[in-house]
N, C-alpha and C. Protein backbone atom coordinates (compact mmCIF):
# COMPACT_ATOMS: atom_id res chain seq x y z
N UNK A 1 -6.77 9.33 7.53
CA UNK A 1 -6.14 8.82 6.34
C UNK A 1 -5.63 7.40 6.63
N UNK A 2 -5.87 6.50 5.70
CA UNK A 2 -5.41 5.12 5.82
C UNK A 2 -4.36 4.89 4.74
N UNK A 3 -3.22 4.33 5.13
CA UNK A 3 -2.12 4.13 4.20
C UNK A 3 -1.76 2.65 4.07
N UNK A 4 -1.16 2.32 2.93
CA UNK A 4 -0.70 0.95 2.68
C UNK A 4 0.64 1.04 1.96
N UNK A 5 1.63 0.30 2.42
CA UNK A 5 2.93 0.28 1.77
C UNK A 5 2.90 -0.71 0.61
N UNK A 6 3.38 -0.25 -0.55
CA UNK A 6 3.41 -1.10 -1.74
C UNK A 6 4.64 -0.76 -2.57
N UNK A 7 4.83 -1.47 -3.63
CA UNK A 7 5.94 -1.15 -4.53
C UNK A 7 5.50 -0.09 -5.53
N UNK A 8 6.45 0.61 -6.09
CA UNK A 8 6.13 1.61 -7.11
C UNK A 8 5.45 0.93 -8.30
N UNK A 9 5.93 -0.24 -8.69
CA UNK A 9 5.36 -0.95 -9.83
C UNK A 9 3.89 -1.30 -9.59
N UNK A 10 3.58 -1.85 -8.42
CA UNK A 10 2.19 -2.20 -8.12
C UNK A 10 1.29 -0.97 -8.13
N UNK A 11 1.79 0.14 -7.59
CA UNK A 11 1.00 1.37 -7.57
C UNK A 11 0.77 1.88 -8.99
N UNK A 12 1.81 1.89 -9.81
CA UNK A 12 1.68 2.38 -11.18
C UNK A 12 0.74 1.50 -12.00
N UNK A 13 0.75 0.20 -11.76
CA UNK A 13 -0.18 -0.70 -12.45
C UNK A 13 -1.62 -0.46 -12.03
N UNK A 14 -1.83 0.01 -10.82
CA UNK A 14 -3.18 0.25 -10.32
C UNK A 14 -3.77 1.57 -10.82
N UNK A 15 -2.93 2.53 -11.15
CA UNK A 15 -3.42 3.85 -11.54
C UNK A 15 -4.37 3.84 -12.74
N UNK A 16 -4.06 3.16 -13.83
CA UNK A 16 -4.97 3.20 -14.99
C UNK A 16 -6.36 2.64 -14.70
N UNK A 17 -6.46 1.62 -13.87
CA UNK A 17 -7.78 1.03 -13.60
C UNK A 17 -8.46 1.69 -12.40
N UNK A 18 -7.71 2.52 -11.65
CA UNK A 18 -8.31 3.24 -10.53
C UNK A 18 -8.55 2.40 -9.30
N UNK A 19 -7.92 1.23 -9.24
CA UNK A 19 -8.11 0.34 -8.09
C UNK A 19 -6.82 -0.37 -7.76
N UNK A 20 -6.49 -0.39 -6.48
CA UNK A 20 -5.31 -1.12 -6.02
C UNK A 20 -5.77 -2.32 -5.21
N UNK A 21 -5.32 -3.50 -5.61
CA UNK A 21 -5.67 -4.73 -4.89
C UNK A 21 -4.38 -5.49 -4.62
N UNK A 22 -4.12 -5.72 -3.37
CA UNK A 22 -2.94 -6.48 -2.98
C UNK A 22 -3.30 -7.96 -2.86
N UNK A 23 -2.34 -8.86 -3.07
CA UNK A 23 -2.66 -10.29 -2.94
C UNK A 23 -3.25 -10.65 -1.57
N UNK A 24 -2.88 -9.92 -0.51
CA UNK A 24 -3.43 -10.24 0.81
C UNK A 24 -4.94 -10.03 0.88
N UNK A 25 -5.49 -9.23 0.00
CA UNK A 25 -6.95 -9.06 -0.02
C UNK A 25 -7.62 -10.39 -0.38
N UNK A 26 -7.05 -11.10 -1.32
CA UNK A 26 -7.60 -12.40 -1.72
C UNK A 26 -7.28 -13.49 -0.69
N UNK A 27 -6.04 -13.52 -0.20
CA UNK A 27 -5.63 -14.61 0.68
C UNK A 27 -6.07 -14.43 2.13
N UNK A 28 -6.15 -13.18 2.59
CA UNK A 28 -6.49 -12.92 3.99
C UNK A 28 -7.81 -12.19 4.17
N UNK A 29 -8.35 -11.65 3.09
CA UNK A 29 -9.62 -10.97 3.15
C UNK A 29 -9.54 -9.50 3.54
N UNK A 30 -8.32 -8.97 3.67
CA UNK A 30 -8.15 -7.56 3.98
C UNK A 30 -6.79 -7.09 3.52
N UNK A 31 -6.61 -5.79 3.48
CA UNK A 31 -5.33 -5.17 3.14
C UNK A 31 -4.72 -4.64 4.42
N UNK A 32 -3.46 -4.93 4.64
CA UNK A 32 -2.76 -4.40 5.81
C UNK A 32 -2.56 -2.90 5.64
N UNK A 33 -3.08 -2.12 6.57
CA UNK A 33 -2.98 -0.66 6.50
C UNK A 33 -2.41 -0.12 7.80
N UNK A 34 -2.05 1.16 7.78
CA UNK A 34 -1.47 1.76 8.98
C UNK A 34 -1.69 3.26 8.99
N UNK A 35 -1.27 3.88 10.09
CA UNK A 35 -1.34 5.33 10.22
C UNK A 35 -0.22 5.96 9.39
N UNK A 36 -0.33 7.25 9.08
CA UNK A 36 0.73 7.91 8.33
C UNK A 36 2.11 7.80 8.99
N UNK A 37 2.19 7.99 10.29
CA UNK A 37 3.47 7.91 10.98
C UNK A 37 4.07 6.51 10.88
N UNK A 38 3.27 5.50 11.13
CA UNK A 38 3.77 4.13 11.06
C UNK A 38 4.18 3.77 9.63
N UNK A 39 3.42 4.20 8.66
CA UNK A 39 3.72 3.90 7.27
C UNK A 39 5.10 4.45 6.89
N UNK A 40 5.38 5.67 7.29
CA UNK A 40 6.68 6.26 6.96
C UNK A 40 7.81 5.53 7.66
N UNK A 41 7.63 5.16 8.92
CA UNK A 41 8.68 4.42 9.63
C UNK A 41 8.88 3.04 9.02
N UNK A 42 7.80 2.36 8.69
CA UNK A 42 7.90 1.02 8.10
C UNK A 42 8.52 1.09 6.70
N UNK A 43 8.17 2.13 5.97
CA UNK A 43 8.72 2.31 4.63
C UNK A 43 10.23 2.43 4.69
N UNK A 44 10.70 3.25 5.61
CA UNK A 44 12.15 3.41 5.75
C UNK A 44 12.80 2.09 6.15
N UNK A 45 12.20 1.39 7.08
CA UNK A 45 12.77 0.14 7.57
C UNK A 45 12.78 -0.96 6.51
N UNK A 46 11.77 -1.01 5.69
CA UNK A 46 11.64 -2.08 4.70
C UNK A 46 12.16 -1.68 3.32
N UNK A 47 12.52 -0.42 3.17
CA UNK A 47 12.99 0.11 1.88
C UNK A 47 11.94 -0.04 0.79
N UNK A 48 10.66 0.07 1.15
CA UNK A 48 9.59 0.06 0.15
C UNK A 48 9.69 1.34 -0.67
N UNK A 49 9.02 1.39 -1.79
CA UNK A 49 9.19 2.52 -2.69
C UNK A 49 8.06 3.54 -2.70
N UNK A 50 6.88 3.19 -2.17
CA UNK A 50 5.83 4.19 -2.16
C UNK A 50 4.78 3.86 -1.11
N UNK A 51 4.00 4.84 -0.78
CA UNK A 51 2.92 4.69 0.18
C UNK A 51 1.62 5.06 -0.53
N UNK A 52 0.70 4.14 -0.63
CA UNK A 52 -0.53 4.36 -1.34
C UNK A 52 -1.61 4.85 -0.38
N UNK A 53 -2.36 5.85 -0.78
CA UNK A 53 -3.45 6.38 0.04
C UNK A 53 -4.76 5.78 -0.41
N UNK A 54 -5.51 5.21 0.53
CA UNK A 54 -6.83 4.65 0.25
C UNK A 54 -7.89 5.52 0.91
N UNK A 55 -8.90 5.96 0.17
CA UNK A 55 -9.95 6.78 0.78
C UNK A 55 -10.80 5.97 1.74
């Protein structure tokens, strides 16, 4: 499983179109992703609101 930390708003905006694209995809050419364990630790540390799952 590959995870990406995002805001609840960004995730909710992505749901209707079925695609999540972060600005880093355009500026850096990739999305920063992590393992489930790291995502949860980073989420707590950064106070992010959701963890998006990418197939």
